[in-house]
């Protein structure tokens, strides 16, 4: 959910939660779930969610998807420029401006002031009883969001936990620490083998690859060739890399395939 003054992109501020408080930020945004409530639902930490589409004039609850923090009960209302239409009852649409009236208050609306979230009192329209005037900072736009979580392992933690003698005894060749950011996170979508014998190769397809990424077979690094952000090629290590005393075997050896950056 964001506020944009006079359609200026540089003035865009997003609603988000930080350190237990609601804020309006130009660089950070939060994902919120808008719950539909019954009109007679009382203010409480626990509430009953109604089924159905949300229309203007409905009572809603905005809950942060990450922290679970919620704003007080709100009534979502349609906005035309700086005019709130109290009698609008059509379905709430994305990318349309709306306002959030704090229920049971004297025309107080959810508003921002710089990076703070405040209450703004609307002005009655004497010639239009079903209209109220708000300022631009109380008009919000709703957009859908998607969320993805990724986990990674920092090799520095392993390096600190194991002594140098342990690393040598295990024959582990840890790559040097990297100062590159974790994001964008590389995602592997497919593996395909090519060739065989001494020239067996594996094609690693996916997204967000970079020249710093290297494919490992278990604890053995493979010679890796960066082709593009969607493709890496690597040579399959010789069996002697895993067991120096093995030069020829009649059965398969399974190892984990890792992507390190």
C-alpha atoms as a PDB file:
ATOM      1  CA  UNK A   1       0.000   0.000   0.000  1.00  0.00           C
ATOM      2  CA  UNK A   2       1.521   3.341  -0.989  1.00  0.00           C
ATOM      3  CA  UNK A   3       0.883   7.072  -1.106  1.00  0.00           C
ATOM      4  CA  UNK A   4       2.023   9.204  -4.024  1.00  0.00           C
ATOM      5  CA  UNK A   5       1.629  12.969  -3.901  1.00  0.00           C
ATOM      6  CA  UNK A   6       0.394  14.563  -7.117  1.00  0.00           C
ATOM      7  CA  UNK A   7       1.457  11.512  -9.174  1.00  0.00           C
ATOM      8  CA  UNK A   8       5.144  12.233  -8.491  1.00  0.00           C
ATOM      9  CA  UNK A   9       7.169   9.019  -8.412  1.00  0.00           C
ATOM     10  CA  UNK A  10       9.859  10.593  -6.223  1.00  0.00           C
ATOM     11  CA  UNK A  11       7.282  11.296  -3.515  1.00  0.00           C
ATOM     12  CA  UNK A  12       6.083   7.691  -3.233  1.00  0.00           C
ATOM     13  CA  UNK A  13       5.986   6.328   0.314  1.00  0.00           C
ATOM     14  CA  UNK A  14       5.053   2.807   1.339  1.00  0.00           C
ATOM     15  CA  UNK A  15       3.321   1.605   4.475  1.00  0.00           C
ATOM     16  CA  UNK A  16       5.482  -0.749   6.512  1.00  0.00           C
ATOM     17  CA  UNK A  17       6.190  -1.854  10.080  1.00  0.00           C
ATOM     18  CA  UNK A  18       9.542  -1.288  11.752  1.00  0.00           C
ATOM     19  CA  UNK A  19      10.491  -1.763  15.405  1.00  0.00           C
ATOM     20  CA  UNK A  20       6.906  -2.238  16.476  1.00  0.00           C
ATOM     21  CA  UNK A  21       5.502   0.880  14.783  1.00  0.00           C
ATOM     22  CA  UNK A  22       3.863   1.777  11.489  1.00  0.00           C
ATOM     23  CA  UNK A  23       5.919   3.997   9.196  1.00  0.00           C
ATOM     24  CA  UNK A  24       5.829   5.488   5.704  1.00  0.00           C
ATOM     25  CA  UNK A  25       9.083   4.828   3.875  1.00  0.00           C
ATOM     26  CA  UNK A  26      10.425   5.803   0.478  1.00  0.00           C
ATOM     27  CA  UNK A  27      12.681   2.728   0.292  1.00  0.00           C
ATOM     28  CA  UNK A  28      11.010  -0.060   2.295  1.00  0.00           C
ATOM     29  CA  UNK A  29       7.572  -1.583   1.965  1.00  0.00           C
ATOM     30  CA  UNK A  30       5.539  -4.144   3.845  1.00  0.00           C
ATOM     31  CA  UNK A  31       2.998  -6.710   2.715  1.00  0.00           C
ATOM     32  CA  UNK A  32      -0.393  -6.410   4.406  1.00  0.00           C
ATOM     33  CA  UNK A  33      -3.421  -8.645   4.434  1.00  0.00           C
ATOM     34  CA  UNK A  34      -6.734  -6.787   4.238  1.00  0.00           C
ATOM     35  CA  UNK A  35      -9.343  -8.739   6.193  1.00  0.00           C
ATOM     36  CA  UNK A  36     -13.068  -8.181   5.765  1.00  0.00           C
ATOM     37  CA  UNK A  37     -14.927  -7.714   9.068  1.00  0.00           C
ATOM     38  CA  UNK A  38     -18.569  -7.588  10.000  1.00  0.00           C
ATOM     39  CA  UNK A  39     -19.875  -4.054  10.503  1.00  0.00           C
ATOM     40  CA  UNK A  40     -20.661  -4.798  14.155  1.00  0.00           C
ATOM     41  CA  UNK A  41     -17.251  -6.357  14.905  1.00  0.00           C
ATOM     42  CA  UNK A  42     -15.765  -4.745  18.022  1.00  0.00           C
ATOM     43  CA  UNK A  43     -12.169  -3.595  18.377  1.00  0.00           C
ATOM     44  CA  UNK A  44     -10.031  -6.479  19.679  1.00  0.00           C
ATOM     45  CA  UNK A  45      -6.753  -8.278  19.020  1.00  0.00           C
ATOM     46  CA  UNK A  46      -8.683 -11.331  17.845  1.00  0.00           C
ATOM     47  CA  UNK A  47     -11.428 -10.888  15.274  1.00  0.00           C
ATOM     48  CA  UNK A  48     -13.639 -12.921  12.976  1.00  0.00           C
ATOM     49  CA  UNK A  49     -12.820 -12.701   9.275  1.00  0.00           C
ATOM     50  CA  UNK A  50     -15.741 -12.615   6.847  1.00  0.00           C
ATOM     51  CA  UNK A  51     -15.851 -14.282   3.448  1.00  0.00           C
ATOM     52  CA  UNK A  52     -16.586 -12.332   0.286  1.00  0.00           C
ATOM     53  CA  UNK A  53     -15.296  -9.444  -1.782  1.00  0.00           C
ATOM     54  CA  UNK A  54     -14.335  -6.156  -0.173  1.00  0.00           C
ATOM     55  CA  UNK A  55     -16.432  -3.188  -1.270  1.00  0.00           C
ATOM     56  CA  UNK A  56     -16.099   0.478  -0.467  1.00  0.00           C
ATOM     57  CA  UNK A  57     -17.856   1.164   2.807  1.00  0.00           C
ATOM     58  CA  UNK A  58     -16.865  -2.188   4.334  1.00  0.00           C
ATOM     59  CA  UNK A  59     -15.087  -2.521   7.661  1.00  0.00           C
ATOM     60  CA  UNK A  60     -11.593  -3.975   7.273  1.00  0.00           C
ATOM     61  CA  UNK A  61      -8.504  -4.811   9.271  1.00  0.00           C
ATOM     62  CA  UNK A  62      -4.984  -4.258   7.917  1.00  0.00           C
ATOM     63  CA  UNK A  63      -2.516  -6.811   9.287  1.00  0.00           C
ATOM     64  CA  UNK A  64       1.216  -6.869   8.552  1.00  0.00           C
ATOM     65  CA  UNK A  65       2.058 -10.253   7.028  1.00  0.00           C
ATOM     66  CA  UNK A  66       5.504 -10.349   8.629  1.00  0.00           C
ATOM     67  CA  UNK A  67       4.962  -9.035  12.167  1.00  0.00           C
ATOM     68  CA  UNK A  68       1.239  -9.645  12.664  1.00  0.00           C
ATOM     69  CA  UNK A  69       0.753  -6.042  13.816  1.00  0.00           C
ATOM     70  CA  UNK A  70      -2.626  -4.574  12.904  1.00  0.00           C
ATOM     71  CA  UNK A  71      -4.161  -1.141  12.589  1.00  0.00           C
ATOM     72  CA  UNK A  72      -7.468  -0.348  14.326  1.00  0.00           C
ATOM     73  CA  UNK A  73     -10.711  -1.107  12.495  1.00  0.00           C
ATOM     74  CA  UNK A  74     -10.948   0.872   9.295  1.00  0.00           C
ATOM     75  CA  UNK A  75     -13.619   1.623   6.726  1.00  0.00           C
ATOM     76  CA  UNK A  76     -12.266   1.697   3.194  1.00  0.00           C
ATOM     77  CA  UNK A  77     -13.701   4.531   1.113  1.00  0.00           C
ATOM     78  CA  UNK A  78     -13.449   5.583  -2.500  1.00  0.00           C
ATOM     79  CA  UNK A  79     -11.474   8.700  -3.387  1.00  0.00           C
ATOM     80  CA  UNK A  80     -11.807  10.995  -6.397  1.00  0.00           C
ATOM     81  CA  UNK A  81      -8.887  13.433  -6.360  1.00  0.00           C
ATOM     82  CA  UNK A  82      -9.171  14.798  -2.789  1.00  0.00           C
ATOM     83  CA  UNK A  83     -12.851  13.965  -2.345  1.00  0.00           C
ATOM     84  CA  UNK A  84     -13.994  10.972  -0.288  1.00  0.00           C
ATOM     85  CA  UNK A  85     -17.282   9.488  -1.503  1.00  0.00           C
ATOM     86  CA  UNK A  86     -19.134   8.166   1.527  1.00  0.00           C
ATOM     87  CA  UNK A  87     -21.912   6.494  -0.471  1.00  0.00           C
ATOM     88  CA  UNK A  88     -19.700   4.487  -2.877  1.00  0.00           C
ATOM     89  CA  UNK A  89     -20.222   0.727  -2.554  1.00  0.00           C
ATOM     90  CA  UNK A  90     -18.554  -0.787  -5.640  1.00  0.00           C
ATOM     91  CA  UNK A  91     -15.766  -3.390  -5.264  1.00  0.00           C
ATOM     92  CA  UNK A  92     -12.358  -2.148  -4.179  1.00  0.00           C
ATOM     93  CA  UNK A  93      -9.954  -2.191  -7.123  1.00  0.00           C
ATOM     94  CA  UNK A  94      -6.186  -2.225  -7.322  1.00  0.00           C
ATOM     95  CA  UNK A  95      -4.410   0.960  -8.403  1.00  0.00           C
ATOM     96  CA  UNK A  96      -7.473   3.056  -7.529  1.00  0.00           C
ATOM     97  CA  UNK A  97      -7.065   5.650  -4.819  1.00  0.00           C
ATOM     98  CA  UNK A  98      -8.860   4.980  -1.567  1.00  0.00           C
ATOM     99  CA  UNK A  99      -8.944   6.302   1.982  1.00  0.00           C
ATOM    100  CA  UNK A 100      -9.116   4.493   5.310  1.00  0.00           C
ATOM    101  CA  UNK A 101     -11.458   6.025   7.857  1.00  0.00           C
ATOM    102  CA  UNK A 102     -10.695   5.095  11.469  1.00  0.00           C
ATOM    103  CA  UNK A 103     -13.980   3.665  12.628  1.00  0.00           C
ATOM    104  CA  UNK A 104     -15.922   5.436  15.397  1.00  0.00           C
ATOM    105  CA  UNK A 105     -13.801   8.602  15.149  1.00  0.00           C
ATOM    106  CA  UNK A 106     -14.715  12.139  14.117  1.00  0.00           C
ATOM    107  CA  UNK A 107     -13.787  11.977  10.403  1.00  0.00           C
ATOM    108  CA  UNK A 108     -10.231  10.762  11.149  1.00  0.00           C
ATOM    109  CA  UNK A 109      -8.355   9.092   8.277  1.00  0.00           C
ATOM    110  CA  UNK A 110      -5.121   7.135   8.007  1.00  0.00           C
ATOM    111  CA  UNK A 111      -2.516   9.620   6.802  1.00  0.00           C
ATOM    112  CA  UNK A 112       1.224  10.157   6.573  1.00  0.00           C
ATOM    113  CA  UNK A 113       3.491  13.038   7.467  1.00  0.00           C
ATOM    114  CA  UNK A 114       6.986  12.483   6.091  1.00  0.00           C
ATOM    115  CA  UNK A 115       7.829   9.019   7.481  1.00  0.00           C
ATOM    116  CA  UNK A 116       5.218   9.054  10.243  1.00  0.00           C
ATOM    117  CA  UNK A 117       1.717   7.575  10.172  1.00  0.00           C
ATOM    118  CA  UNK A 118      -0.791  10.003  11.664  1.00  0.00           C
ATOM    119  CA  UNK A 119      -4.520  10.710  11.754  1.00  0.00           C
ATOM    120  CA  UNK A 120      -5.976  13.358   9.481  1.00  0.00           C
ATOM    121  CA  UNK A 121      -9.387  14.928  10.013  1.00  0.00           C
ATOM    122  CA  UNK A 122     -11.449  15.329   6.864  1.00  0.00           C
ATOM    123  CA  UNK A 123     -13.532  18.427   6.162  1.00  0.00           C
ATOM    124  CA  UNK A 124     -17.277  18.174   5.595  1.00  0.00           C
ATOM    125  CA  UNK A 125     -18.675  19.329   2.264  1.00  0.00           C
ATOM    126  CA  UNK A 126     -21.704  21.496   2.999  1.00  0.00           C
ATOM    127  CA  UNK A 127     -23.045  21.235  -0.549  1.00  0.00           C
ATOM    128  CA  UNK A 128     -22.445  17.438  -0.735  1.00  0.00           C
ATOM    129  CA  UNK A 129     -23.477  15.597   2.450  1.00  0.00           C
ATOM    130  CA  UNK A 130     -21.988  12.335   1.126  1.00  0.00           C
ATOM    131  CA  UNK A 131     -18.588  13.869   0.468  1.00  0.00           C
ATOM    132  CA  UNK A 132     -15.611  14.738   2.645  1.00  0.00           C
ATOM    133  CA  UNK A 133     -12.378  16.475   1.671  1.00  0.00           C
ATOM    134  CA  UNK A 134      -8.972  15.064   2.577  1.00  0.00           C
ATOM    135  CA  UNK A 135      -5.431  16.051   1.673  1.00  0.00           C
ATOM    136  CA  UNK A 136      -3.202  14.053  -0.674  1.00  0.00           C
ATOM    137  CA  UNK A 137      -1.379  12.396   2.220  1.00  0.00           C
ATOM    138  CA  UNK A 138      -4.534  10.514   3.233  1.00  0.00           C
ATOM    139  CA  UNK A 139      -5.142   8.956  -0.195  1.00  0.00           C
ATOM    140  CA  UNK A 140      -3.672   5.478  -0.621  1.00  0.00           C
ATOM    141  CA  UNK A 141      -3.234   3.049  -3.497  1.00  0.00           C
ATOM    142  CA  UNK A 142      -3.525  -0.723  -3.060  1.00  0.00           C
ATOM    143  CA  UNK A 143      -1.430  -3.116  -5.134  1.00  0.00           C
ATOM    144  CA  UNK A 144      -0.978  -6.874  -4.877  1.00  0.00           C
ATOM    145  CA  UNK A 145       2.346  -8.251  -3.653  1.00  0.00           C
ATOM    146  CA  UNK A 146       4.182 -11.539  -3.746  1.00  0.00           C
ATOM    147  CA  UNK A 147       6.609 -12.866  -1.191  1.00  0.00           C
ATOM    148  CA  UNK A 148       9.445 -15.365  -1.493  1.00  0.00           C
ATOM    149  CA  UNK A 149      11.820 -16.611   1.196  1.00  0.00           C
ATOM    150  CA  UNK A 150      15.301 -17.990   0.538  1.00  0.00           C
ATOM    151  CA  UNK A 151      17.823 -19.615   2.847  1.00  0.00           C
ATOM    152  CA  UNK A 152      21.556 -19.792   2.353  1.00  0.00           C
ATOM    153  CA  UNK A 153      24.567 -20.969   4.318  1.00  0.00           C
ATOM    154  CA  UNK A 154      27.455 -18.626   5.002  1.00  0.00           C
ATOM    155  CA  UNK A 155      30.724 -20.534   4.665  1.00  0.00           C
ATOM    156  CA  UNK A 156      32.477 -18.110   6.996  1.00  0.00           C
ATOM    157  CA  UNK A 157      30.518 -19.703   9.844  1.00  0.00           C
ATOM    158  CA  UNK A 158      31.920 -23.113   8.936  1.00  0.00           C
ATOM    159  CA  UNK A 159      35.413 -21.702   8.549  1.00  0.00           C
ATOM    160  CA  UNK A 160      35.252 -20.144  12.018  1.00  0.00           C
ATOM    161  CA  UNK A 161      33.871 -23.325  13.578  1.00  0.00           C
ATOM    162  CA  UNK A 162      36.524 -25.659  12.152  1.00  0.00           C
ATOM    163  CA  UNK A 163      40.198 -25.377  12.936  1.00  0.00           C
ATOM    164  CA  UNK A 164      42.702 -25.296  10.101  1.00  0.00           C
ATOM    165  CA  UNK A 165      43.969 -28.755  11.038  1.00  0.00           C
ATOM    166  CA  UNK A 166      40.417 -30.115  10.835  1.00  0.00           C
ATOM    167  CA  UNK A 167      39.936 -28.625   7.384  1.00  0.00           C
ATOM    168  CA  UNK A 168      43.168 -30.242   6.202  1.00  0.00           C
ATOM    169  CA  UNK A 169      42.296 -33.618   7.696  1.00  0.00           C
ATOM    170  CA  UNK A 170      38.901 -33.545   5.979  1.00  0.00           C
ATOM    171  CA  UNK A 171      40.515 -32.313   2.763  1.00  0.00           C
ATOM    172  CA  UNK A 172      37.974 -29.464   2.560  1.00  0.00           C
ATOM    173  CA  UNK A 173      38.783 -26.664   0.114  1.00  0.00           C
ATOM    174  CA  UNK A 174      36.598 -23.785   1.240  1.00  0.00           C
ATOM    175  CA  UNK A 175      36.467 -20.815  -1.142  1.00  0.00           C
ATOM    176  CA  UNK A 176      37.622 -17.434   0.173  1.00  0.00           C
ATOM    177  CA  UNK A 177      35.046 -15.117   1.795  1.00  0.00           C
ATOM    178  CA  UNK A 178      32.935 -13.106  -0.630  1.00  0.00           C
ATOM    179  CA  UNK A 179      31.898  -9.485  -0.220  1.00  0.00           C
ATOM    180  CA  UNK A 180      29.228  -9.774  -2.910  1.00  0.00           C
ATOM    181  CA  UNK A 181      25.568  -9.363  -1.845  1.00  0.00           C
ATOM    182  CA  UNK A 182      23.382 -12.446  -1.499  1.00  0.00           C
ATOM    183  CA  UNK A 183      20.657 -10.956  -3.685  1.00  0.00           C
ATOM    184  CA  UNK A 184      19.504 -11.501  -6.330  1.00  0.00           C
ATOM    185  CA  UNK A 185      19.342 -15.091  -5.143  1.00  0.00           C
ATOM    186  CA  UNK A 186      20.442 -17.669  -7.749  1.00  0.00           C
ATOM    187  CA  UNK A 187      17.758 -20.265  -8.440  1.00  0.00           C
ATOM    188  CA  UNK A 188      18.493 -23.612 -10.119  1.00  0.00           C
ATOM    189  CA  UNK A 189      15.624 -24.956 -12.220  1.00  0.00           C
ATOM    190  CA  UNK A 190      17.270 -27.814 -14.104  1.00  0.00           C
ATOM    191  CA  UNK A 191      20.347 -30.006 -14.608  1.00  0.00           C
ATOM    192  CA  UNK A 192      21.376 -31.781 -17.798  1.00  0.00           C
ATOM    193  CA  UNK A 193      24.421 -33.931 -18.478  1.00  0.00           C
ATOM    194  CA  UNK A 194      26.401 -33.799 -21.707  1.00  0.00           C
ATOM    195  CA  UNK A 195      29.158 -36.069 -22.953  1.00  0.00           C
ATOM    196  CA  UNK A 196      30.850 -38.713 -20.869  1.00  0.00           C
ATOM    197  CA  UNK A 197      34.148 -40.115 -19.731  1.00  0.00           C
ATOM    198  CA  UNK A 198      36.842 -37.479 -19.298  1.00  0.00           C
ATOM    199  CA  UNK A 199      34.695 -34.711 -20.829  1.00  0.00           C
ATOM    200  CA  UNK A 200      31.428 -35.206 -18.970  1.00  0.00           C
ATOM    201  CA  UNK A 201      29.721 -31.864 -18.381  1.00  0.00           C
ATOM    202  CA  UNK A 202      26.635 -30.656 -16.567  1.00  0.00           C
ATOM    203  CA  UNK A 203      24.447 -27.779 -17.762  1.00  0.00           C
ATOM    204  CA  UNK A 204      22.928 -25.867 -14.860  1.00  0.00           C
ATOM    205  CA  UNK A 205      19.908 -23.803 -15.907  1.00  0.00           C
ATOM    206  CA  UNK A 206      18.117 -21.254 -13.755  1.00  0.00           C
ATOM    207  CA  UNK A 207      18.269 -17.538 -13.105  1.00  0.00           C
ATOM    208  CA  UNK A 208      20.388 -14.858 -11.408  1.00  0.00           C
ATOM    209  CA  UNK A 209      23.717 -16.623 -12.069  1.00  0.00           C
ATOM    210  CA  UNK A 210      26.940 -14.598 -12.055  1.00  0.00           C
ATOM    211  CA  UNK A 211      30.615 -15.243 -12.928  1.00  0.00           C
ATOM    212  CA  UNK A 212      31.359 -15.615  -9.194  1.00  0.00           C
ATOM    213  CA  UNK A 213      29.225 -18.746  -8.857  1.00  0.00           C
ATOM    214  CA  UNK A 214      30.900 -22.139  -8.836  1.00  0.00           C
ATOM    215  CA  UNK A 215      29.420 -25.633  -8.918  1.00  0.00           C
ATOM    216  CA  UNK A 216      30.644 -28.132  -6.341  1.00  0.00           C
ATOM    217  CA  UNK A 217      30.157 -31.907  -6.276  1.00  0.00           C
ATOM    218  CA  UNK A 218      30.044 -32.616  -2.564  1.00  0.00           C
ATOM    219  CA  UNK A 219      33.251 -31.070  -1.198  1.00  0.00           C
ATOM    220  CA  UNK A 220      34.977 -31.052  -4.606  1.00  0.00           C
ATOM    221  CA  UNK A 221      34.873 -27.828  -6.664  1.00  0.00           C
ATOM    222  CA  UNK A 222      34.188 -28.232 -10.375  1.00  0.00           C
ATOM    223  CA  UNK A 223      35.602 -26.128 -13.178  1.00  0.00           C
ATOM    224  CA  UNK A 224      32.674 -23.833 -13.925  1.00  0.00           C
ATOM    225  CA  UNK A 225      31.978 -21.736 -17.020  1.00  0.00           C
ATOM    226  CA  UNK A 226      29.591 -18.787 -16.860  1.00  0.00           C
ATOM    227  CA  UNK A 227      27.516 -18.457 -20.026  1.00  0.00           C
ATOM    228  CA  UNK A 228      24.768 -16.056 -18.988  1.00  0.00           C
ATOM    229  CA  UNK A 229      22.469 -15.291 -16.067  1.00  0.00           C
ATOM    230  CA  UNK A 230      20.401 -18.365 -16.969  1.00  0.00           C
ATOM    231  CA  UNK A 231      23.151 -20.913 -17.722  1.00  0.00           C
ATOM    232  CA  UNK A 232      26.300 -22.357 -16.138  1.00  0.00           C
ATOM    233  CA  UNK A 233      28.443 -25.207 -17.480  1.00  0.00           C
ATOM    234  CA  UNK A 234      30.746 -27.337 -15.357  1.00  0.00           C
ATOM    235  CA  UNK A 235      33.087 -30.278 -15.819  1.00  0.00           C
ATOM    236  CA  UNK A 236      32.271 -33.376 -13.778  1.00  0.00           C
ATOM    237  CA  UNK A 237      35.273 -34.024 -11.468  1.00  0.00           C
ATOM    238  CA  UNK A 238      37.218 -37.223 -11.934  1.00  0.00           C
ATOM    239  CA  UNK A 239      36.424 -40.011  -9.470  1.00  0.00           C
ATOM    240  CA  UNK A 240      39.942 -39.689  -8.076  1.00  0.00           C
ATOM    241  CA  UNK A 241      38.977 -36.253  -6.726  1.00  0.00           C
ATOM    242  CA  UNK A 242      36.648 -37.989  -4.299  1.00  0.00           C
ATOM    243  CA  UNK A 243      38.808 -41.065  -3.582  1.00  0.00           C
ATOM    244  CA  UNK A 244      42.460 -40.698  -4.640  1.00  0.00           C
ATOM    245  CA  UNK A 245      42.974 -44.466  -4.522  1.00  0.00           C
ATOM    246  CA  UNK A 246      40.103 -45.060  -6.959  1.00  0.00           C
ATOM    247  CA  UNK A 247      40.951 -45.017 -10.624  1.00  0.00           C
ATOM    248  CA  UNK A 248      38.228 -47.277 -11.946  1.00  0.00           C
ATOM    249  CA  UNK A 249      34.959 -48.394 -10.346  1.00  0.00           C
ATOM    250  CA  UNK A 250      31.980 -50.477 -11.415  1.00  0.00           C
ATOM    251  CA  UNK A 251      29.270 -48.731  -9.380  1.00  0.00           C
ATOM    252  CA  UNK A 252      27.767 -45.283  -9.056  1.00  0.00           C
ATOM    253  CA  UNK A 253      28.923 -42.660  -6.581  1.00  0.00           C
ATOM    254  CA  UNK A 254      26.269 -40.177  -5.440  1.00  0.00           C
ATOM    255  CA  UNK A 255      27.293 -36.732  -4.175  1.00  0.00           C
ATOM    256  CA  UNK A 256      25.447 -33.497  -3.491  1.00  0.00           C
ATOM    257  CA  UNK A 257      25.681 -30.821  -6.138  1.00  0.00           C
ATOM    258  CA  UNK A 258      26.095 -27.352  -4.661  1.00  0.00           C
ATOM    259  CA  UNK A 259      26.174 -23.842  -6.093  1.00  0.00           C
ATOM    260  CA  UNK A 260      28.521 -21.514  -4.234  1.00  0.00           C
ATOM    261  CA  UNK A 261      29.041 -17.824  -4.778  1.00  0.00           C
END
